[in-house]
Amino acid sequence: MSQGSYRHLERGTALAAASFGKAVERLVALYVAADESLSAVLMHTGQTRGPGGKFVQSPDFIGKEAYNLRLIDITTPAELDKHLARPRGEATDHVLYPGLPAELEFD
């Protein structure tokens, strides 16, 4: 996690929930990479860049099932409608987590 993202969490800024979501995605990616069975069927897309190096929206993971590809996004119930409204939203599977814990504290 970047220092900036960590500060958002620590200070409870408006970007804290997004920073927490990035951390959840990256933790899942680490678990997938460390597991031979999962990494054989899931690929983390990371931060996909388009022409000119700009970041573009992409699913968080691509699932490889024989000749079929599955698009997978990790999100919260509160953000699900926004994900469904994306161009490939309806064709994407969504894995939900509750969101930023209210009791999250830093020492």
PDB file of N, CA and C in Angstrom:
ATOM      1  N   MET A   1       0.846  -1.164   0.000  1.00  0.00           N
ATOM      2  CA  MET A   1       0.000   0.000   0.000  1.00  0.00           C
ATOM      3  C   MET A   1       0.897   1.236   0.000  1.00  0.00           C
ATOM      4  N   SER A   2       0.548   2.193  -0.803  1.00  0.00           N
ATOM      5  CA  SER A   2       1.358   3.414  -0.871  1.00  0.00           C
ATOM      6  C   SER A   2       1.202   4.215   0.417  1.00  0.00           C
ATOM      7  N   GLN A   3       2.174   5.077   0.671  1.00  0.00           N
ATOM      8  CA  GLN A   3       2.097   5.929   1.859  1.00  0.00           C
ATOM      9  C   GLN A   3       0.872   6.839   1.807  1.00  0.00           C
ATOM     10  N   GLY A   4       0.555   7.318   0.609  1.00  0.00           N
ATOM     11  CA  GLY A   4      -0.614   8.184   0.449  1.00  0.00           C
ATOM     12  C   GLY A   4      -1.907   7.465   0.778  1.00  0.00           C
ATOM     13  N   SER A   5      -2.058   6.240   0.276  1.00  0.00           N
ATOM     14  CA  SER A   5      -3.257   5.458   0.569  1.00  0.00           C
ATOM     15  C   SER A   5      -3.358   5.151   2.057  1.00  0.00           C
ATOM     16  N   TYR A   6      -2.220   4.826   2.644  1.00  0.00           N
ATOM     17  CA  TYR A   6      -2.201   4.540   4.079  1.00  0.00           C
ATOM     18  C   TYR A   6      -2.632   5.780   4.873  1.00  0.00           C
ATOM     19  N   ARG A   7      -2.147   6.939   4.482  1.00  0.00           N
ATOM     20  CA  ARG A   7      -2.528   8.180   5.171  1.00  0.00           C
ATOM     21  C   ARG A   7      -4.028   8.426   5.076  1.00  0.00           C
ATOM     22  N   HIS A   8      -4.627   8.119   3.918  1.00  0.00           N
ATOM     23  CA  HIS A   8      -6.082   8.289   3.777  1.00  0.00           C
ATOM     24  C   HIS A   8      -6.812   7.423   4.791  1.00  0.00           C
ATOM     25  N   LEU A   9      -6.349   6.203   4.966  1.00  0.00           N
ATOM     26  CA  LEU A   9      -6.967   5.322   5.955  1.00  0.00           C
ATOM     27  C   LEU A   9      -6.742   5.842   7.369  1.00  0.00           C
ATOM     28  N   GLU A  10      -5.517   6.196   7.647  1.00  0.00           N
ATOM     29  CA  GLU A  10      -5.137   6.642   8.982  1.00  0.00           C
ATOM     30  C   GLU A  10      -5.919   7.891   9.406  1.00  0.00           C
ATOM     31  N   ARG A  11      -6.100   8.807   8.457  1.00  0.00           N
ATOM     32  CA  ARG A  11      -6.776  10.080   8.753  1.00  0.00           C
ATOM     33  C   ARG A  11      -8.280  10.036   8.513  1.00  0.00           C
ATOM     34  N   GLY A  12      -8.763   8.946   7.919  1.00  0.00           N
ATOM     35  CA  GLY A  12     -10.199   8.832   7.653  1.00  0.00           C
ATOM     36  C   GLY A  12     -10.703   9.827   6.634  1.00  0.00           C
ATOM     37  N   THR A  13      -9.904  10.102   5.602  1.00  0.00           N
ATOM     38  CA  THR A  13     -10.302  11.078   4.580  1.00  0.00           C
ATOM     39  C   THR A  13     -11.405  10.509   3.683  1.00  0.00           C
ATOM     40  N   ALA A  14     -11.868  11.338   2.766  1.00  0.00           N
ATOM     41  CA  ALA A  14     -12.903  10.912   1.819  1.00  0.00           C
ATOM     42  C   ALA A  14     -12.421   9.780   0.919  1.00  0.00           C
ATOM     43  N   LEU A  15     -11.116   9.609   0.792  1.00  0.00           N
ATOM     44  CA  LEU A  15     -10.566   8.533  -0.045  1.00  0.00           C
ATOM     45  C   LEU A  15     -10.210   7.280   0.754  1.00  0.00           C
ATOM     46  N   ALA A  16     -10.555   7.247   2.026  1.00  0.00           N
ATOM     47  CA  ALA A  16     -10.216   6.092   2.864  1.00  0.00           C
ATOM     48  C   ALA A  16     -10.867   4.810   2.342  1.00  0.00           C
ATOM     49  N   ALA A  17     -12.133   4.869   1.983  1.00  0.00           N
ATOM     50  CA  ALA A  17     -12.825   3.670   1.510  1.00  0.00           C
ATOM     51  C   ALA A  17     -12.200   3.145   0.212  1.00  0.00           C
ATOM     52  N   ALA A  18     -11.839   4.051  -0.694  1.00  0.00           N
ATOM     53  CA  ALA A  18     -11.199   3.635  -1.948  1.00  0.00           C
ATOM     54  C   ALA A  18      -9.823   3.037  -1.674  1.00  0.00           C
ATOM     55  N   SER A  19      -9.093   3.612  -0.744  1.00  0.00           N
ATOM     56  CA  SER A  19      -7.776   3.079  -0.377  1.00  0.00           C
ATOM     57  C   SER A  19      -7.912   1.687   0.237  1.00  0.00           C
ATOM     58  N   PHE A  20      -8.920   1.507   1.064  1.00  0.00           N
ATOM     59  CA  PHE A  20      -9.169   0.198   1.662  1.00  0.00           C
ATOM     60  C   PHE A  20      -9.518  -0.812   0.565  1.00  0.00           C
ATOM     61  N   GLY A  21     -10.332  -0.394  -0.398  1.00  0.00           N
ATOM     62  CA  GLY A  21     -10.704  -1.273  -1.508  1.00  0.00           C
ATOM     63  C   GLY A  21      -9.503  -1.707  -2.328  1.00  0.00           C
ATOM     64  N   LYS A  22      -8.577  -0.778  -2.577  1.00  0.00           N
ATOM     65  CA  LYS A  22      -7.347  -1.136  -3.297  1.00  0.00           C
ATOM     66  C   LYS A  22      -6.542  -2.155  -2.499  1.00  0.00           C
ATOM     67  N   ALA A  23      -6.502  -1.960  -1.187  1.00  0.00           N
ATOM     68  CA  ALA A  23      -5.766  -2.898  -0.331  1.00  0.00           C
ATOM     69  C   ALA A  23      -6.406  -4.281  -0.359  1.00  0.00           C
ATOM     70  N   VAL A  24      -7.728  -4.343  -0.347  1.00  0.00           N
ATOM     71  CA  VAL A  24      -8.429  -5.632  -0.425  1.00  0.00           C
ATOM     72  C   VAL A  24      -8.088  -6.328  -1.743  1.00  0.00           C
ATOM     73  N   GLU A  25      -8.170  -5.590  -2.841  1.00  0.00           N
ATOM     74  CA  GLU A  25      -7.860  -6.167  -4.155  1.00  0.00           C
ATOM     75  C   GLU A  25      -6.425  -6.692  -4.199  1.00  0.00           C
ATOM     76  N   ARG A  26      -5.486  -5.907  -3.705  1.00  0.00           N
ATOM     77  CA  ARG A  26      -4.079  -6.327  -3.741  1.00  0.00           C
ATOM     78  C   ARG A  26      -3.821  -7.520  -2.841  1.00  0.00           C
ATOM     79  N   LEU A  27      -4.507  -7.602  -1.700  1.00  0.00           N
ATOM     80  CA  LEU A  27      -4.360  -8.760  -0.822  1.00  0.00           C
ATOM     81  C   LEU A  27      -4.896 -10.015  -1.501  1.00  0.00           C
ATOM     82  N   VAL A  28      -6.044  -9.904  -2.152  1.00  0.00           N
ATOM     83  CA  VAL A  28      -6.586 -11.041  -2.899  1.00  0.00           C
ATOM     84  C   VAL A  28      -5.603 -11.459  -3.988  1.00  0.00           C
ATOM     85  N   ALA A  29      -5.023 -10.487  -4.676  1.00  0.00           N
ATOM     86  CA  ALA A  29      -4.046 -10.795  -5.731  1.00  0.00           C
ATOM     87  C   ALA A  29      -2.847 -11.549  -5.167  1.00  0.00           C
ATOM     88  N   LEU A  30      -2.400 -11.185  -3.965  1.00  0.00           N
ATOM     89  CA  LEU A  30      -1.287 -11.908  -3.330  1.00  0.00           C
ATOM     90  C   LEU A  30      -1.675 -13.345  -3.011  1.00  0.00           C
ATOM     91  N   TYR A  31      -2.885 -13.535  -2.485  1.00  0.00           N
ATOM     92  CA  TYR A  31      -3.358 -14.894  -2.201  1.00  0.00           C
ATOM     93  C   TYR A  31      -3.450 -15.724  -3.482  1.00  0.00           C
ATOM     94  N   VAL A  32      -3.965 -15.116  -4.540  1.00  0.00           N
ATOM     95  CA  VAL A  32      -4.080 -15.826  -5.824  1.00  0.00           C
ATOM     96  C   VAL A  32      -2.694 -16.215  -6.337  1.00  0.00           C
ATOM     97  N   ALA A  33      -1.760 -15.288  -6.299  1.00  0.00           N
ATOM     98  CA  ALA A  33      -0.406 -15.555  -6.803  1.00  0.00           C
ATOM     99  C   ALA A  33       0.297 -16.644  -6.000  1.00  0.00           C
ATOM    100  N   ALA A  34      -0.003 -16.722  -4.717  1.00  0.00           N
ATOM    101  CA  ALA A  34       0.661 -17.702  -3.844  1.00  0.00           C
ATOM    102  C   ALA A  34       0.052 -19.099  -3.928  1.00  0.00           C
ATOM    103  N   ASP A  35      -1.106 -19.210  -4.543  1.00  0.00           N
ATOM    104  CA  ASP A  35      -1.801 -20.498  -4.626  1.00  0.00           C
ATOM    105  C   ASP A  35      -1.766 -21.016  -6.058  1.00  0.00           C
ATOM    106  N   GLU A  36      -1.134 -22.139  -6.250  1.00  0.00           N
ATOM    107  CA  GLU A  36      -0.964 -22.692  -7.600  1.00  0.00           C
ATOM    108  C   GLU A  36      -2.301 -22.953  -8.295  1.00  0.00           C
ATOM    109  N   SER A  37      -3.276 -23.461  -7.557  1.00  0.00           N
ATOM    110  CA  SER A  37      -4.585 -23.756  -8.155  1.00  0.00           C
ATOM    111  C   SER A  37      -5.306 -22.474  -8.561  1.00  0.00           C
ATOM    112  N   LEU A  38      -5.274 -21.471  -7.682  1.00  0.00           N
ATOM    113  CA  LEU A  38      -5.948 -20.207  -8.004  1.00  0.00           C
ATOM    114  C   LEU A  38      -5.252 -19.469  -9.141  1.00  0.00           C
ATOM    115  N   SER A  39      -3.917 -19.445  -9.096  1.00  0.00           N
ATOM    116  CA  SER A  39      -3.203 -18.704 -10.140  1.00  0.00           C
ATOM    117  C   SER A  39      -3.315 -19.380 -11.504  1.00  0.00           C
ATOM    118  N   ALA A  40      -3.706 -20.643 -11.523  1.00  0.00           N
ATOM    119  CA  ALA A  40      -3.920 -21.330 -12.802  1.00  0.00           C
ATOM    120  C   ALA A  40      -5.221 -20.884 -13.471  1.00  0.00           C
ATOM    121  N   VAL A  41      -6.158 -20.347 -12.673  1.00  0.00           N
ATOM    122  CA  VAL A  41      -7.457 -19.972 -13.242  1.00  0.00           C
ATOM    123  C   VAL A  41      -7.799 -18.498 -13.099  1.00  0.00           C
ATOM    124  N   LEU A  42      -7.016 -17.748 -12.307  1.00  0.00           N
ATOM    125  CA  LEU A  42      -7.287 -16.322 -12.120  1.00  0.00           C
ATOM    126  C   LEU A  42      -6.055 -15.497 -12.453  1.00  0.00           C
ATOM    127  N   MET A  43      -6.267 -14.390 -13.135  1.00  0.00           N
ATOM    128  CA  MET A  43      -5.172 -13.479 -13.452  1.00  0.00           C
ATOM    129  C   MET A  43      -5.557 -12.083 -12.964  1.00  0.00           C
ATOM    130  N   HIS A  44      -4.718 -11.508 -12.121  1.00  0.00           N
ATOM    131  CA  HIS A  44      -4.960 -10.152 -11.636  1.00  0.00           C
ATOM    132  C   HIS A  44      -4.582  -9.178 -12.748  1.00  0.00           C
ATOM    133  N   THR A  45      -5.483  -8.279 -13.078  1.00  0.00           N
ATOM    134  CA  THR A  45      -5.194  -7.332 -14.153  1.00  0.00           C
ATOM    135  C   THR A  45      -4.392  -6.147 -13.641  1.00  0.00           C
ATOM    136  N   GLY A  46      -4.377  -5.959 -12.321  1.00  0.00           N
ATOM    137  CA  GLY A  46      -3.624  -4.833 -11.771  1.00  0.00           C
ATOM    138  C   GLY A  46      -4.194  -3.529 -12.259  1.00  0.00           C
ATOM    139  N   GLN A  47      -3.338  -2.622 -12.521  1.00  0.00           N
ATOM    140  CA  GLN A  47      -3.769  -1.324 -13.023  1.00  0.00           C
ATOM    141  C   GLN A  47      -3.478  -1.281 -14.513  1.00  0.00           C
ATOM    142  N   THR A  48      -4.479  -1.569 -15.290  1.00  0.00           N
ATOM    143  CA  THR A  48      -4.342  -1.646 -16.733  1.00  0.00           C
ATOM    144  C   THR A  48      -4.166  -0.253 -17.322  1.00  0.00           C
ATOM    145  N   ARG A  49      -3.221  -0.140 -18.218  1.00  0.00           N
ATOM    146  CA  ARG A  49      -2.972   1.139 -18.896  1.00  0.00           C
ATOM    147  C   ARG A  49      -3.352   1.013 -20.368  1.00  0.00           C
ATOM    148  N   GLY A  50      -3.930   2.066 -20.871  1.00  0.00           N
ATOM    149  CA  GLY A  50      -4.296   2.113 -22.276  1.00  0.00           C
ATOM    150  C   GLY A  50      -3.276   2.892 -23.071  1.00  0.00           C
ATOM    151  N   PRO A  51      -3.675   3.365 -24.257  1.00  0.00           N
ATOM    152  CA  PRO A  51      -2.775   4.146 -25.098  1.00  0.00           C
ATOM    153  C   PRO A  51      -2.251   5.371 -24.350  1.00  0.00           C
ATOM    154  N   GLY A  52      -0.990   5.666 -24.525  1.00  0.00           N
ATOM    155  CA  GLY A  52      -0.399   6.825 -23.870  1.00  0.00           C
ATOM    156  C   GLY A  52      -0.102   6.615 -22.394  1.00  0.00           C
ATOM    157  N   GLY A  53      -0.291   5.389 -21.906  1.00  0.00           N
ATOM    158  CA  GLY A  53       0.034   5.089 -20.519  1.00  0.00           C
ATOM    159  C   GLY A  53      -1.019   5.483 -19.501  1.00  0.00           C
ATOM    160  N   LYS A  54      -2.178   5.950 -19.942  1.00  0.00           N
ATOM    161  CA  LYS A  54      -3.233   6.337 -19.013  1.00  0.00           C
ATOM    162  C   LYS A  54      -3.909   5.092 -18.443  1.00  0.00           C
ATOM    163  N   PHE A  55      -4.269   5.165 -17.154  1.00  0.00           N
ATOM    164  CA  PHE A  55      -4.993   4.065 -16.539  1.00  0.00           C
ATOM    165  C   PHE A  55      -6.396   3.985 -17.129  1.00  0.00           C
ATOM    166  N   VAL A  56      -6.861   2.775 -17.383  1.00  0.00           N
ATOM    167  CA  VAL A  56      -8.199   2.560 -17.914  1.00  0.00           C
ATOM    168  C   VAL A  56      -8.946   1.599 -16.990  1.00  0.00           C
ATOM    169  N   GLN A  57     -10.260   1.742 -16.975  1.00  0.00           N
ATOM    170  CA  GLN A  57     -11.065   0.825 -16.176  1.00  0.00           C
ATOM    171  C   GLN A  57     -10.937  -0.579 -16.736  1.00  0.00           C
ATOM    172  N   SER A  58     -10.758  -1.521 -15.835  1.00  0.00           N
ATOM    173  CA  SER A  58     -10.696  -2.923 -16.235  1.00  0.00           C
ATOM    174  C   SER A  58     -11.189  -3.754 -15.068  1.00  0.00           C
ATOM    175  N   PRO A  59     -11.599  -4.979 -15.332  1.00  0.00           N
ATOM    176  CA  PRO A  59     -11.973  -5.831 -14.206  1.00  0.00           C
ATOM    177  C   PRO A  59     -10.738  -6.091 -13.342  1.00  0.00           C
ATOM    178  N   ASP A  60     -10.953  -6.421 -12.075  1.00  0.00           N
ATOM    179  CA  ASP A  60      -9.824  -6.679 -11.180  1.00  0.00           C
ATOM    180  C   ASP A  60      -9.118  -7.986 -11.522  1.00  0.00           C
ATOM    181  N   PHE A  61      -9.888  -8.962 -11.960  1.00  0.00           N
ATOM    182  CA  PHE A  61      -9.344 -10.273 -12.301  1.00  0.00           C
ATOM    183  C   PHE A  61     -10.012 -10.794 -13.559  1.00  0.00           C
ATOM    184  N   ILE A  62      -9.296 -11.649 -14.243  1.00  0.00           N
ATOM    185  CA  ILE A  62      -9.863 -12.401 -15.358  1.00  0.00           C
ATOM    186  C   ILE A  62      -9.789 -13.862 -14.965  1.00  0.00           C
ATOM    187  N   GLY A  63     -10.921 -14.525 -15.038  1.00  0.00           N
ATOM    188  CA  GLY A  63     -10.979 -15.949 -14.737  1.00  0.00           C
ATOM    189  C   GLY A  63     -10.862 -16.737 -16.028  1.00  0.00           C
ATOM    190  N   LYS A  64      -9.984 -17.737 -16.030  1.00  0.00           N
ATOM    191  CA  LYS A  64      -9.751 -18.545 -17.234  1.00  0.00           C
ATOM    192  C   LYS A  64     -10.425 -19.906 -17.020  1.00  0.00           C
ATOM    193  N   GLU A  65     -11.513 -20.127 -17.720  1.00  0.00           N
ATOM    194  CA  GLU A  65     -12.250 -21.384 -17.624  1.00  0.00           C
ATOM    195  C   GLU A  65     -12.308 -22.024 -19.008  1.00  0.00           C
ATOM    196  N   ALA A  66     -11.404 -22.939 -19.256  1.00  0.00           N
ATOM    197  CA  ALA A  66     -11.314 -23.590 -20.566  1.00  0.00           C
ATOM    198  C   ALA A  66     -11.235 -22.507 -21.640  1.00  0.00           C
ATOM    199  N   TYR A  67     -12.229 -22.429 -22.509  1.00  0.00           N
ATOM    200  CA  TYR A  67     -12.213 -21.436 -23.582  1.00  0.00           C
ATOM    201  C   TYR A  67     -13.020 -20.186 -23.233  1.00  0.00           C
ATOM    202  N   ASN A  68     -13.515 -20.119 -22.017  1.00  0.00           N
ATOM    203  CA  ASN A  68     -14.300 -18.971 -21.582  1.00  0.00           C
ATOM    204  C   ASN A  68     -13.485 -18.090 -20.646  1.00  0.00           C
ATOM    205  N   LEU A  69     -13.666 -16.800 -20.774  1.00  0.00           N
ATOM    206  CA  LEU A  69     -13.048 -15.854 -19.849  1.00  0.00           C
ATOM    207  C   LEU A  69     -14.145 -15.236 -18.994  1.00  0.00           C
ATOM    208  N   ARG A  70     -13.878 -15.097 -17.716  1.00  0.00           N
ATOM    209  CA  ARG A  70     -14.810 -14.429 -16.810  1.00  0.00           C
ATOM    210  C   ARG A  70     -14.160 -13.150 -16.322  1.00  0.00           C
ATOM    211  N   LEU A  71     -14.918 -12.102 -16.291  1.00  0.00           N
ATOM    212  CA  LEU A  71     -14.460 -10.831 -15.745  1.00  0.00           C
ATOM    213  C   LEU A  71     -14.931 -10.770 -14.299  1.00  0.00           C
ATOM    214  N   ILE A  72     -14.029 -10.398 -13.394  1.00  0.00           N
ATOM    215  CA  ILE A  72     -14.359 -10.402 -11.969  1.00  0.00           C
ATOM    216  C   ILE A  72     -13.907  -9.087 -11.343  1.00  0.00           C
ATOM    217  N   ASP A  73     -14.823  -8.437 -10.647  1.00  0.00           N
ATOM    218  CA  ASP A  73     -14.529  -7.201  -9.924  1.00  0.00           C
ATOM    219  C   ASP A  73     -14.803  -7.414  -8.443  1.00  0.00           C
ATOM    220  N   ILE A  74     -13.942  -6.846  -7.609  1.00  0.00           N
ATOM    221  CA  ILE A  74     -14.149  -6.865  -6.168  1.00  0.00           C
ATOM    222  C   ILE A  74     -14.684  -5.497  -5.788  1.00  0.00           C
ATOM    223  N   THR A  75     -15.826  -5.472  -5.085  1.00  0.00           N
ATOM    224  CA  THR A  75     -16.443  -4.201  -4.719  1.00  0.00           C
ATOM    225  C   THR A  75     -17.305  -4.378  -3.479  1.00  0.00           C
ATOM    226  N   THR A  76     -17.934  -3.301  -3.076  1.00  0.00           N
ATOM    227  CA  THR A  76     -18.825  -3.323  -1.914  1.00  0.00           C
ATOM    228  C   THR A  76     -20.279  -3.274  -2.390  1.00  0.00           C
ATOM    229  N   PRO A  77     -21.209  -3.691  -1.529  1.00  0.00           N
ATOM    230  CA  PRO A  77     -22.624  -3.551  -1.913  1.00  0.00           C
ATOM    231  C   PRO A  77     -22.992  -2.103  -2.256  1.00  0.00           C
ATOM    232  N   ALA A  78     -22.396  -1.139  -1.560  1.00  0.00           N
ATOM    233  CA  ALA A  78     -22.699   0.274  -1.818  1.00  0.00           C
ATOM    234  C   ALA A  78     -22.228   0.733  -3.198  1.00  0.00           C
ATOM    235  N   GLU A  79     -21.193   0.112  -3.726  1.00  0.00           N
ATOM    236  CA  GLU A  79     -20.630   0.511  -5.023  1.00  0.00           C
ATOM    237  C   GLU A  79     -21.089  -0.377  -6.179  1.00  0.00           C
ATOM    238  N   LEU A  80     -21.867  -1.412  -5.886  1.00  0.00           N
ATOM    239  CA  LEU A  80     -22.236  -2.392  -6.919  1.00  0.00           C
ATOM    240  C   LEU A  80     -22.963  -1.752  -8.102  1.00  0.00           C
ATOM    241  N   ASP A  81     -23.904  -0.854  -7.850  1.00  0.00           N
ATOM    242  CA  ASP A  81     -24.637  -0.231  -8.964  1.00  0.00           C
ATOM    243  C   ASP A  81     -23.706   0.514  -9.923  1.00  0.00           C
ATOM    244  N   LYS A  82     -22.691   1.176  -9.393  1.00  0.00           N
ATOM    245  CA  LYS A  82     -21.718   1.874 -10.243  1.00  0.00           C
ATOM    246  C   LYS A  82     -20.951   0.874 -11.107  1.00  0.00           C
ATOM    247  N   HIS A  83     -20.611  -0.266 -10.546  1.00  0.00           N
ATOM    248  CA  HIS A  83     -19.891  -1.293 -11.304  1.00  0.00           C
ATOM    249  C   HIS A  83     -20.792  -1.894 -12.385  1.00  0.00           C
ATOM    250  N   LEU A  84     -22.053  -2.101 -12.060  1.00  0.00           N
ATOM    251  CA  LEU A  84     -22.991  -2.650 -13.045  1.00  0.00           C
ATOM    252  C   LEU A  84     -23.234  -1.685 -14.198  1.00  0.00           C
ATOM    253  N   ALA A  85     -23.095  -0.382 -13.950  1.00  0.00           N
ATOM    254  CA  ALA A  85     -23.323   0.625 -14.993  1.00  0.00           C
ATOM    255  C   ALA A  85     -22.141   0.769 -15.948  1.00  0.00           C
ATOM    256  N   ARG A  86     -21.019   0.142 -15.634  1.00  0.00           N
ATOM    257  CA  ARG A  86     -19.856   0.217 -16.523  1.00  0.00           C
ATOM    258  C   ARG A  86     -20.155  -0.537 -17.819  1.00  0.00           C
ATOM    259  N   PRO A  87     -19.405  -0.229 -18.889  1.00  0.00           N
ATOM    260  CA  PRO A  87     -19.678  -0.866 -20.180  1.00  0.00           C
ATOM    261  C   PRO A  87     -19.757  -2.396 -20.130  1.00  0.00           C
ATOM    262  N   ARG A  88     -18.924  -3.032 -19.327  1.00  0.00           N
ATOM    263  CA  ARG A  88     -18.968  -4.488 -19.242  1.00  0.00           C
ATOM    264  C   ARG A  88     -19.554  -4.953 -17.905  1.00  0.00           C
ATOM    265  N   GLY A  89     -20.214  -4.050 -17.214  1.00  0.00           N
ATOM    266  CA  GLY A  89     -20.714  -4.342 -15.875  1.00  0.00           C
ATOM    267  C   GLY A  89     -21.624  -5.547 -15.769  1.00  0.00           C
ATOM    268  N   GLU A  90     -22.556  -5.652 -16.675  1.00  0.00           N
ATOM    269  CA  GLU A  90     -23.503  -6.776 -16.638  1.00  0.00           C
ATOM    270  C   GLU A  90     -22.818  -8.099 -16.965  1.00  0.00           C
ATOM    271  N   ALA A  91     -21.718  -8.043 -17.701  1.00  0.00           N
ATOM    272  CA  ALA A  91     -21.002  -9.270 -18.081  1.00  0.00           C
ATOM    273  C   ALA A  91     -19.922  -9.630 -17.061  1.00  0.00           C
ATOM    274  N   THR A  92     -19.846  -8.862 -15.991  1.00  0.00           N
ATOM    275  CA  THR A  92     -18.813  -9.064 -14.982  1.00  0.00           C
ATOM    276  C   THR A  92     -19.401  -9.711 -13.742  1.00  0.00           C
ATOM    277  N   ASP A  93     -18.679 -10.676 -13.174  1.00  0.00           N
ATOM    278  CA  ASP A  93     -19.057 -11.232 -11.880  1.00  0.00           C
ATOM    279  C   ASP A  93     -18.495 -10.321 -10.802  1.00  0.00           C
ATOM    280  N   HIS A  94     -19.251 -10.114  -9.750  1.00  0.00           N
ATOM    281  CA  HIS A  94     -18.830  -9.222  -8.679  1.00  0.00           C
ATOM    282  C   HIS A  94     -18.694  -9.984  -7.368  1.00  0.00           C
ATOM    283  N   VAL A  95     -17.548  -9.827  -6.754  1.00  0.00           N
ATOM    284  CA  VAL A  95     -17.285 -10.401  -5.443  1.00  0.00           C
ATOM    285  C   VAL A  95     -17.400  -9.255  -4.451  1.00  0.00           C
ATOM    286  N   LEU A  96     -18.271  -9.422  -3.469  1.00  0.00           N
ATOM    287  CA  LEU A  96     -18.554  -8.333  -2.542  1.00  0.00           C
ATOM    288  C   LEU A  96     -17.861  -8.518  -1.191  1.00  0.00           C
ATOM    289  N   TYR A  97     -17.386  -7.408  -0.640  1.00  0.00           N
ATOM    290  CA  TYR A  97     -16.895  -7.376   0.734  1.00  0.00           C
ATOM    291  C   TYR A  97     -17.634  -6.223   1.416  1.00  0.00           C
ATOM    292  N   PRO A  98     -17.738  -6.235   2.735  1.00  0.00           N
ATOM    293  CA  PRO A  98     -18.592  -5.253   3.408  1.00  0.00           C
ATOM    294  C   PRO A  98     -18.178  -3.790   3.265  1.00  0.00           C
ATOM    295  N   GLY A  99     -16.915  -3.514   3.057  1.00  0.00           N
ATOM    296  CA  GLY A  99     -16.458  -2.135   2.948  1.00  0.00           C
ATOM    297  C   GLY A  99     -15.520  -1.785   4.083  1.00  0.00           C
ATOM    298  N   LEU A 100     -15.223  -0.528   4.201  1.00  0.00           N
ATOM    299  CA  LEU A 100     -14.304  -0.018   5.208  1.00  0.00           C
ATOM    300  C   LEU A 100     -14.890  -0.270   6.598  1.00  0.00           C
ATOM    301  N   PRO A 101     -14.173  -1.024   7.440  1.00  0.00           N
ATOM    302  CA  PRO A 101     -14.706  -1.289   8.789  1.00  0.00           C
ATOM    303  C   PRO A 101     -14.802  -0.005   9.614  1.00  0.00           C
ATOM    304  N   ALA A 102     -15.924   0.202  10.248  1.00  0.00           N
ATOM    305  CA  ALA A 102     -16.122   1.397  11.072  1.00  0.00           C
ATOM    306  C   ALA A 102     -15.173   1.422  12.261  1.00  0.00           C
ATOM    307  N   GLU A 103     -14.783   0.242  12.725  1.00  0.00           N
ATOM    308  CA  GLU A 103     -13.932   0.158  13.914  1.00  0.00           C
ATOM    309  C   GLU A 103     -12.441   0.166  13.596  1.00  0.00           C
ATOM    310  N   LEU A 104     -12.074   0.458  12.363  1.00  0.00           N
ATOM    311  CA  LEU A 104     -10.660   0.474  11.967  1.00  0.00           C
ATOM    312  C   LEU A 104      -9.928   1.572  12.737  1.00  0.00           C
ATOM    313  N   GLU A 105      -8.886   1.172  13.464  1.00  0.00           N
ATOM    314  CA  GLU A 105      -8.127   2.130  14.270  1.00  0.00           C
ATOM    315  C   GLU A 105      -6.643   1.998  13.999  1.00  0.00           C
ATOM    316  N   PHE A 106      -5.916   3.078  14.181  1.00  0.00           N
ATOM    317  CA  PHE A 106      -4.474   3.117  14.003  1.00  0.00           C
ATOM    318  C   PHE A 106      -3.834   3.580  15.305  1.00  0.00           C
ATOM    319  N   ASP A 107      -2.726   2.961  15.646  1.00  0.00           N
ATOM    320  CA  ASP A 107      -2.000   3.356  16.871  1.00  0.00           C
ATOM    321  C   ASP A 107      -0.965   4.397  16.571  1.00  0.00           C
TER     322      ASP A 107
END
